[in-house]
Amino acid sequence: MFGRERRRPGDADSAALRAGLTPQQLAALETLEQFQWTLRFVRRPMFQDPIPVVVDRSGKRHALLKSDGSLDENLGFKIRD
């Protein structure tokens, strides 16, 4: 039992994605995860706040998680497959 890796493979990636998010974004993300939304990626434009993008469980709906914790489904850019 000792020595076995207990973390899931995505845990380090998840922590890296969450780095720099506001407390409101983190709280909203926790709530969204209960509804099976996932933090897919974070855009990090130079000299601007990070822009986290979440996706629903079907993978068809994407939304921006704004700094105040609200969702914006008008991404303003195209999501590639």
PDB file of N, CA and C in Angstrom:
ATOM      1  N   MET A   1       0.819  -1.182   0.000  1.00  0.00           N
ATOM      2  CA  MET A   1       0.000   0.000   0.000  1.00  0.00           C
ATOM      3  C   MET A   1       0.871   1.256   0.000  1.00  0.00           C
ATOM      4  N   PHE A   2       1.959   1.259   0.740  1.00  0.00           N
ATOM      5  CA  PHE A   2       2.843   2.409   0.747  1.00  0.00           C
ATOM      6  C   PHE A   2       3.651   2.427  -0.535  1.00  0.00           C
ATOM      7  N   GLY A   3       3.978   3.611  -0.995  1.00  0.00           N
ATOM      8  CA  GLY A   3       4.773   3.720  -2.203  1.00  0.00           C
ATOM      9  C   GLY A   3       3.948   3.761  -3.480  1.00  0.00           C
ATOM     10  N   ARG A   4       2.668   3.456  -3.388  1.00  0.00           N
ATOM     11  CA  ARG A   4       1.826   3.522  -4.578  1.00  0.00           C
ATOM     12  C   ARG A   4       1.422   4.966  -4.827  1.00  0.00           C
ATOM     13  N   GLU A   5       1.443   5.359  -6.074  1.00  0.00           N
ATOM     14  CA  GLU A   5       1.035   6.711  -6.445  1.00  0.00           C
ATOM     15  C   GLU A   5      -0.489   6.795  -6.359  1.00  0.00           C
ATOM     16  N   ARG A   6      -0.989   7.685  -5.519  1.00  0.00           N
ATOM     17  CA  ARG A   6      -2.433   7.797  -5.316  1.00  0.00           C
ATOM     18  C   ARG A   6      -3.062   8.881  -6.178  1.00  0.00           C
ATOM     19  N   ARG A   7      -2.242   9.771  -6.689  1.00  0.00           N
ATOM     20  CA  ARG A   7      -2.794  10.845  -7.519  1.00  0.00           C
ATOM     21  C   ARG A   7      -3.185  10.295  -8.879  1.00  0.00           C
ATOM     22  N   ARG A   8      -4.211  10.872  -9.426  1.00  0.00           N
ATOM     23  CA  ARG A   8      -4.597  10.527 -10.785  1.00  0.00           C
ATOM     24  C   ARG A   8      -3.640  11.221 -11.736  1.00  0.00           C
ATOM     25  N   PRO A   9      -3.458  10.706 -12.937  1.00  0.00           N
ATOM     26  CA  PRO A   9      -2.512  11.305 -13.880  1.00  0.00           C
ATOM     27  C   PRO A   9      -2.793  12.773 -14.173  1.00  0.00           C
ATOM     28  N   GLY A  10      -4.040  13.203 -14.163  1.00  0.00           N
ATOM     29  CA  GLY A  10      -4.376  14.571 -14.502  1.00  0.00           C
ATOM     30  C   GLY A  10      -4.269  15.564 -13.366  1.00  0.00           C
ATOM     31  N   ASP A  11      -3.944  15.120 -12.152  1.00  0.00           N
ATOM     32  CA  ASP A  11      -3.916  16.028 -11.010  1.00  0.00           C
ATOM     33  C   ASP A  11      -2.896  17.150 -11.170  1.00  0.00           C
ATOM     34  N   ALA A  12      -1.717  16.853 -11.636  1.00  0.00           N
ATOM     35  CA  ALA A  12      -0.694  17.889 -11.812  1.00  0.00           C
ATOM     36  C   ALA A  12      -1.130  18.877 -12.885  1.00  0.00           C
ATOM     37  N   ASP A  13      -1.707  18.369 -13.960  1.00  0.00           N
ATOM     38  CA  ASP A  13      -2.196  19.241 -15.024  1.00  0.00           C
ATOM     39  C   ASP A  13      -3.316  20.134 -14.509  1.00  0.00           C
ATOM     40  N   SER A  14      -4.207  19.567 -13.714  1.00  0.00           N
ATOM     41  CA  SER A  14      -5.319  20.323 -13.154  1.00  0.00           C
ATOM     42  C   SER A  14      -4.809  21.452 -12.265  1.00  0.00           C
ATOM     43  N   ALA A  15      -3.821  21.166 -11.440  1.00  0.00           N
ATOM     44  CA  ALA A  15      -3.253  22.196 -10.558  1.00  0.00           C
ATOM     45  C   ALA A  15      -2.593  23.295 -11.383  1.00  0.00           C
ATOM     46  N   ALA A  16      -1.916  22.931 -12.451  1.00  0.00           N
ATOM     47  CA  ALA A  16      -1.272  23.928 -13.301  1.00  0.00           C
ATOM     48  C   ALA A  16      -2.308  24.799 -13.994  1.00  0.00           C
ATOM     49  N   LEU A  17      -3.414  24.198 -14.427  1.00  0.00           N
ATOM     50  CA  LEU A  17      -4.464  24.972 -15.081  1.00  0.00           C
ATOM     51  C   LEU A  17      -5.120  25.948 -14.103  1.00  0.00           C
ATOM     52  N   ARG A  18      -5.286  25.530 -12.862  1.00  0.00           N
ATOM     53  CA  ARG A  18      -5.958  26.356 -11.851  1.00  0.00           C
ATOM     54  C   ARG A  18      -5.080  27.487 -11.325  1.00  0.00           C
ATOM     55  N   ALA A  19      -3.781  27.389 -11.537  1.00  0.00           N
ATOM     56  CA  ALA A  19      -2.857  28.413 -11.037  1.00  0.00           C
ATOM     57  C   ALA A  19      -3.197  29.763 -11.662  1.00  0.00           C
ATOM     58  N   GLY A  20      -3.360  30.771 -10.840  1.00  0.00           N
ATOM     59  CA  GLY A  20      -3.630  32.115 -11.330  1.00  0.00           C
ATOM     60  C   GLY A  20      -5.093  32.457 -11.464  1.00  0.00           C
ATOM     61  N   LEU A  21      -5.992  31.487 -11.197  1.00  0.00           N
ATOM     62  CA  LEU A  21      -7.417  31.799 -11.264  1.00  0.00           C
ATOM     63  C   LEU A  21      -7.844  32.541 -10.003  1.00  0.00           C
ATOM     64  N   THR A  22      -8.855  33.379 -10.143  1.00  0.00           N
ATOM     65  CA  THR A  22      -9.356  34.138  -9.005  1.00  0.00           C
ATOM     66  C   THR A  22     -10.129  33.218  -8.059  1.00  0.00           C
ATOM     67  N   PRO A  23     -10.289  33.624  -6.797  1.00  0.00           N
ATOM     68  CA  PRO A  23     -11.103  32.817  -5.874  1.00  0.00           C
ATOM     69  C   PRO A  23     -12.527  32.607  -6.392  1.00  0.00           C
ATOM     70  N   GLN A  24     -13.096  33.611  -7.059  1.00  0.00           N
ATOM     71  CA  GLN A  24     -14.443  33.469  -7.613  1.00  0.00           C
ATOM     72  C   GLN A  24     -14.473  32.424  -8.721  1.00  0.00           C
ATOM     73  N   GLN A  25     -13.445  32.409  -9.563  1.00  0.00           N
ATOM     74  CA  GLN A  25     -13.373  31.409 -10.626  1.00  0.00           C
ATOM     75  C   GLN A  25     -13.222  30.015 -10.046  1.00  0.00           C
ATOM     76  N   LEU A  26     -12.393  29.870  -9.025  1.00  0.00           N
ATOM     77  CA  LEU A  26     -12.191  28.560  -8.408  1.00  0.00           C
ATOM     78  C   LEU A  26     -13.476  28.055  -7.758  1.00  0.00           C
ATOM     79  N   ALA A  27     -14.209  28.946  -7.082  1.00  0.00           N
ATOM     80  CA  ALA A  27     -15.474  28.549  -6.457  1.00  0.00           C
ATOM     81  C   ALA A  27     -16.490  28.140  -7.518  1.00  0.00           C
ATOM     82  N   ALA A  28     -16.579  28.924  -8.598  1.00  0.00           N
ATOM     83  CA  ALA A  28     -17.511  28.594  -9.677  1.00  0.00           C
ATOM     84  C   ALA A  28     -17.122  27.279 -10.335  1.00  0.00           C
ATOM     85  N   LEU A  29     -15.823  27.050 -10.499  1.00  0.00           N
ATOM     86  CA  LEU A  29     -15.347  25.816 -11.118  1.00  0.00           C
ATOM     87  C   LEU A  29     -15.726  24.600 -10.276  1.00  0.00           C
ATOM     88  N   GLU A  30     -15.606  24.713  -8.972  1.00  0.00           N
ATOM     89  CA  GLU A  30     -16.012  23.611  -8.096  1.00  0.00           C
ATOM     90  C   GLU A  30     -17.484  23.285  -8.285  1.00  0.00           C
ATOM     91  N   THR A  31     -18.320  24.309  -8.386  1.00  0.00           N
ATOM     92  CA  THR A  31     -19.749  24.096  -8.607  1.00  0.00           C
ATOM     93  C   THR A  31     -19.997  23.477  -9.973  1.00  0.00           C
ATOM     94  N   LEU A  32     -19.334  23.978 -11.001  1.00  0.00           N
ATOM     95  CA  LEU A  32     -19.502  23.430 -12.351  1.00  0.00           C
ATOM     96  C   LEU A  32     -19.080  21.975 -12.422  1.00  0.00           C
ATOM     97  N   GLU A  33     -18.024  21.616 -11.700  1.00  0.00           N
ATOM     98  CA  GLU A  33     -17.551  20.227 -11.710  1.00  0.00           C
ATOM     99  C   GLU A  33     -18.584  19.277 -11.121  1.00  0.00           C
ATOM    100  N   GLN A  34     -19.432  19.767 -10.226  1.00  0.00           N
ATOM    101  CA  GLN A  34     -20.510  18.932  -9.688  1.00  0.00           C
ATOM    102  C   GLN A  34     -21.543  18.605 -10.767  1.00  0.00           C
ATOM    103  N   PHE A  35     -21.600  19.456 -11.788  1.00  0.00           N
ATOM    104  CA  PHE A  35     -22.502  19.231 -12.920  1.00  0.00           C
ATOM    105  C   PHE A  35     -21.748  18.660 -14.117  1.00  0.00           C
ATOM    106  N   GLN A  36     -20.561  18.118 -13.855  1.00  0.00           N
ATOM    107  CA  GLN A  36     -19.719  17.425 -14.824  1.00  0.00           C
ATOM    108  C   GLN A  36     -19.190  18.320 -15.939  1.00  0.00           C
ATOM    109  N   TRP A  37     -18.961  19.586 -15.624  1.00  0.00           N
ATOM    110  CA  TRP A  37     -18.209  20.460 -16.513  1.00  0.00           C
ATOM    111  C   TRP A  37     -16.745  20.274 -16.166  1.00  0.00           C
ATOM    112  N   THR A  38     -15.853  20.514 -17.122  1.00  0.00           N
ATOM    113  CA  THR A  38     -14.425  20.296 -16.941  1.00  0.00           C
ATOM    114  C   THR A  38     -13.651  21.520 -17.403  1.00  0.00           C
ATOM    115  N   LEU A  39     -12.608  21.850 -16.660  1.00  0.00           N
ATOM    116  CA  LEU A  39     -11.696  22.906 -17.087  1.00  0.00           C
ATOM    117  C   LEU A  39     -10.844  22.319 -18.206  1.00  0.00           C
ATOM    118  N   ARG A  40     -11.045  22.793 -19.429  1.00  0.00           N
ATOM    119  CA  ARG A  40     -10.380  22.207 -20.587  1.00  0.00           C
ATOM    120  C   ARG A  40      -8.998  22.809 -20.806  1.00  0.00           C
ATOM    121  N   PHE A  41      -8.930  24.150 -20.831  1.00  0.00           N
ATOM    122  CA  PHE A  41      -7.643  24.821 -21.002  1.00  0.00           C
ATOM    123  C   PHE A  41      -7.762  26.245 -20.496  1.00  0.00           C
ATOM    124  N   VAL A  42      -6.624  26.902 -20.351  1.00  0.00           N
ATOM    125  CA  VAL A  42      -6.586  28.297 -19.915  1.00  0.00           C
ATOM    126  C   VAL A  42      -5.746  29.074 -20.918  1.00  0.00           C
ATOM    127  N   ARG A  43      -6.350  30.069 -21.523  1.00  0.00           N
ATOM    128  CA  ARG A  43      -5.591  30.975 -22.399  1.00  0.00           C
ATOM    129  C   ARG A  43      -4.888  31.973 -21.495  1.00  0.00           C
ATOM    130  N   ARG A  44      -3.656  32.241 -21.792  1.00  0.00           N
ATOM    131  CA  ARG A  44      -2.877  33.176 -20.990  1.00  0.00           C
ATOM    132  C   ARG A  44      -2.268  34.258 -21.895  1.00  0.00           C
ATOM    133  N   PRO A  45      -3.117  35.218 -22.319  1.00  0.00           N
ATOM    134  CA  PRO A  45      -2.600  36.282 -23.172  1.00  0.00           C
ATOM    135  C   PRO A  45      -1.619  37.174 -22.396  1.00  0.00           C
ATOM    136  N   MET A  46      -0.629  37.690 -23.104  1.00  0.00           N
ATOM    137  CA  MET A  46       0.368  38.533 -22.451  1.00  0.00           C
ATOM    138  C   MET A  46      -0.282  39.785 -21.863  1.00  0.00           C
ATOM    139  N   PHE A  47       0.118  40.116 -20.649  1.00  0.00           N
ATOM    140  CA  PHE A  47      -0.316  41.327 -19.953  1.00  0.00           C
ATOM    141  C   PHE A  47      -1.819  41.358 -19.680  1.00  0.00           C
ATOM    142  N   GLN A  48      -2.462  40.195 -19.672  1.00  0.00           N
ATOM    143  CA  GLN A  48      -3.887  40.100 -19.377  1.00  0.00           C
ATOM    144  C   GLN A  48      -4.115  38.964 -18.396  1.00  0.00           C
ATOM    145  N   ASP A  49      -5.284  38.974 -17.774  1.00  0.00           N
ATOM    146  CA  ASP A  49      -5.645  37.903 -16.854  1.00  0.00           C
ATOM    147  C   ASP A  49      -5.852  36.598 -17.611  1.00  0.00           C
ATOM    148  N   PRO A  50      -5.615  35.464 -16.936  1.00  0.00           N
ATOM    149  CA  PRO A  50      -5.875  34.163 -17.574  1.00  0.00           C
ATOM    150  C   PRO A  50      -7.355  34.032 -17.948  1.00  0.00           C
ATOM    151  N   ILE A  51      -7.622  33.301 -19.022  1.00  0.00           N
ATOM    152  CA  ILE A  51      -8.992  33.084 -19.497  1.00  0.00           C
ATOM    153  C   ILE A  51      -9.263  31.582 -19.502  1.00  0.00           C
ATOM    154  N   PRO A  52      -9.896  31.059 -18.426  1.00  0.00           N
ATOM    155  CA  PRO A  52     -10.198  29.631 -18.388  1.00  0.00           C
ATOM    156  C   PRO A  52     -11.401  29.283 -19.271  1.00  0.00           C
ATOM    157  N   VAL A  53     -11.313  28.151 -19.937  1.00  0.00           N
ATOM    158  CA  VAL A  53     -12.389  27.665 -20.797  1.00  0.00           C
ATOM    159  C   VAL A  53     -12.859  26.322 -20.241  1.00  0.00           C
ATOM    160  N   VAL A  54     -14.167  26.234 -19.994  1.00  0.00           N
ATOM    161  CA  VAL A  54     -14.758  25.005 -19.469  1.00  0.00           C
ATOM    162  C   VAL A  54     -15.637  24.378 -20.538  1.00  0.00           C
ATOM    163  N   VAL A  55     -15.826  23.064 -20.419  1.00  0.00           N
ATOM    164  CA  VAL A  55     -16.638  22.325 -21.388  1.00  0.00           C
ATOM    165  C   VAL A  55     -17.588  21.410 -20.620  1.00  0.00           C
ATOM    166  N   ASP A  56     -18.800  21.234 -21.162  1.00  0.00           N
ATOM    167  CA  ASP A  56     -19.763  20.348 -20.507  1.00  0.00           C
ATOM    168  C   ASP A  56     -19.410  18.889 -20.762  1.00  0.00           C
ATOM    169  N   ARG A  57     -20.135  17.999 -20.124  1.00  0.00           N
ATOM    170  CA  ARG A  57     -19.795  16.570 -20.206  1.00  0.00           C
ATOM    171  C   ARG A  57     -19.930  15.997 -21.604  1.00  0.00           C
ATOM    172  N   SER A  58     -20.790  16.585 -22.448  1.00  0.00           N
ATOM    173  CA  SER A  58     -20.939  16.078 -23.810  1.00  0.00           C
ATOM    174  C   SER A  58     -19.815  16.582 -24.722  1.00  0.00           C
ATOM    175  N   GLY A  59     -19.120  17.631 -24.296  1.00  0.00           N
ATOM    176  CA  GLY A  59     -18.053  18.200 -25.106  1.00  0.00           C
ATOM    177  C   GLY A  59     -18.540  19.137 -26.186  1.00  0.00           C
ATOM    178  N   LYS A  60     -19.829  19.461 -26.163  1.00  0.00           N
ATOM    179  CA  LYS A  60     -20.398  20.299 -27.212  1.00  0.00           C
ATOM    180  C   LYS A  60     -20.552  21.756 -26.809  1.00  0.00           C
ATOM    181  N   ARG A  61     -20.663  22.023 -25.520  1.00  0.00           N
ATOM    182  CA  ARG A  61     -20.819  23.404 -25.045  1.00  0.00           C
ATOM    183  C   ARG A  61     -19.541  23.852 -24.365  1.00  0.00           C
ATOM    184  N   HIS A  62     -19.037  24.991 -24.788  1.00  0.00           N
ATOM    185  CA  HIS A  62     -17.844  25.597 -24.196  1.00  0.00           C
ATOM    186  C   HIS A  62     -18.233  26.963 -23.647  1.00  0.00           C
ATOM    187  N   ALA A  63     -17.551  27.379 -22.587  1.00  0.00           N
ATOM    188  CA  ALA A  63     -17.815  28.697 -22.015  1.00  0.00           C
ATOM    189  C   ALA A  63     -16.555  29.245 -21.373  1.00  0.00           C
ATOM    190  N   LEU A  64     -16.457  30.569 -21.344  1.00  0.00           N
ATOM    191  CA  LEU A  64     -15.382  31.237 -20.628  1.00  0.00           C
ATOM    192  C   LEU A  64     -15.816  31.398 -19.175  1.00  0.00           C
ATOM    193  N   LEU A  65     -14.897  31.209 -18.281  1.00  0.00           N
ATOM    194  CA  LEU A  65     -15.162  31.427 -16.869  1.00  0.00           C
ATOM    195  C   LEU A  65     -14.566  32.784 -16.520  1.00  0.00           C
ATOM    196  N   LYS A  66     -15.434  33.793 -16.448  1.00  0.00           N
ATOM    197  CA  LYS A  66     -14.979  35.165 -16.251  1.00  0.00           C
ATOM    198  C   LYS A  66     -14.411  35.356 -14.843  1.00  0.00           C
ATOM    199  N   SER A  67     -13.673  36.443 -14.649  1.00  0.00           N
ATOM    200  CA  SER A  67     -12.972  36.675 -13.380  1.00  0.00           C
ATOM    201  C   SER A  67     -13.915  36.783 -12.192  1.00  0.00           C
ATOM    202  N   ASP A  68     -15.181  37.142 -12.422  1.00  0.00           N
ATOM    203  CA  ASP A  68     -16.141  37.222 -11.316  1.00  0.00           C
ATOM    204  C   ASP A  68     -16.847  35.898 -11.051  1.00  0.00           C
ATOM    205  N   GLY A  69     -16.482  34.842 -11.815  1.00  0.00           N
ATOM    206  CA  GLY A  69     -17.062  33.516 -11.625  1.00  0.00           C
ATOM    207  C   GLY A  69     -18.256  33.230 -12.516  1.00  0.00           C
ATOM    208  N   SER A  70     -18.670  34.201 -13.324  1.00  0.00           N
ATOM    209  CA  SER A  70     -19.802  33.972 -14.220  1.00  0.00           C
ATOM    210  C   SER A  70     -19.322  33.310 -15.515  1.00  0.00           C
ATOM    211  N   LEU A  71     -20.280  32.730 -16.236  1.00  0.00           N
ATOM    212  CA  LEU A  71     -19.971  32.055 -17.504  1.00  0.00           C
ATOM    213  C   LEU A  71     -20.335  32.942 -18.676  1.00  0.00           C
ATOM    214  N   ASP A  72     -19.551  32.855 -19.742  1.00  0.00           N
ATOM    215  CA  ASP A  72     -19.821  33.563 -20.979  1.00  0.00           C
ATOM    216  C   ASP A  72     -19.668  32.555 -22.115  1.00  0.00           C
ATOM    217  N   GLU A  73     -20.796  32.203 -22.737  1.00  0.00           N
ATOM    218  CA  GLU A  73     -20.752  31.215 -23.812  1.00  0.00           C
ATOM    219  C   GLU A  73     -20.397  31.826 -25.158  1.00  0.00           C
ATOM    220  N   ASN A  74     -20.212  33.129 -25.223  1.00  0.00           N
ATOM    221  CA  ASN A  74     -19.749  33.797 -26.445  1.00  0.00           C
ATOM    222  C   ASN A  74     -18.234  33.874 -26.375  1.00  0.00           C
ATOM    223  N   LEU A  75     -17.562  32.848 -26.845  1.00  0.00           N
ATOM    224  CA  LEU A  75     -16.123  32.716 -26.670  1.00  0.00           C
ATOM    225  C   LEU A  75     -15.328  33.798 -27.379  1.00  0.00           C
ATOM    226  N   GLY A  76     -15.706  34.161 -28.565  1.00  0.00           N
ATOM    227  CA  GLY A  76     -14.939  35.144 -29.317  1.00  0.00           C
ATOM    228  C   GLY A  76     -13.776  34.519 -30.091  1.00  0.00           C
ATOM    229  N   PHE A  77     -13.661  33.201 -30.050  1.00  0.00           N
ATOM    230  CA  PHE A  77     -12.671  32.487 -30.826  1.00  0.00           C
ATOM    231  C   PHE A  77     -13.180  31.092 -31.110  1.00  0.00           C
ATOM    232  N   LYS A  78     -12.619  30.446 -32.097  1.00  0.00           N
ATOM    233  CA  LYS A  78     -13.054  29.110 -32.538  1.00  0.00           C
ATOM    234  C   LYS A  78     -12.326  28.034 -31.743  1.00  0.00           C
ATOM    235  N   ILE A  79     -13.067  27.038 -31.291  1.00  0.00           N
ATOM    236  CA  ILE A  79     -12.507  25.885 -30.600  1.00  0.00           C
ATOM    237  C   ILE A  79     -12.179  24.816 -31.645  1.00  0.00           C
ATOM    238  N   ARG A  80     -10.928  24.381 -31.667  1.00  0.00           N
ATOM    239  CA  ARG A  80     -10.538  23.307 -32.591  1.00  0.00           C
ATOM    240  C   ARG A  80     -10.756  21.963 -31.915  1.00  0.00           C
ATOM    241  N   ASP A  81     -10.984  20.957 -32.712  1.00  0.00           N
ATOM    242  CA  ASP A  81     -11.134  19.588 -32.175  1.00  0.00           C
ATOM    243  C   ASP A  81      -9.822  18.954 -31.875  1.00  0.00           C
TER     244      ASP A  81
END
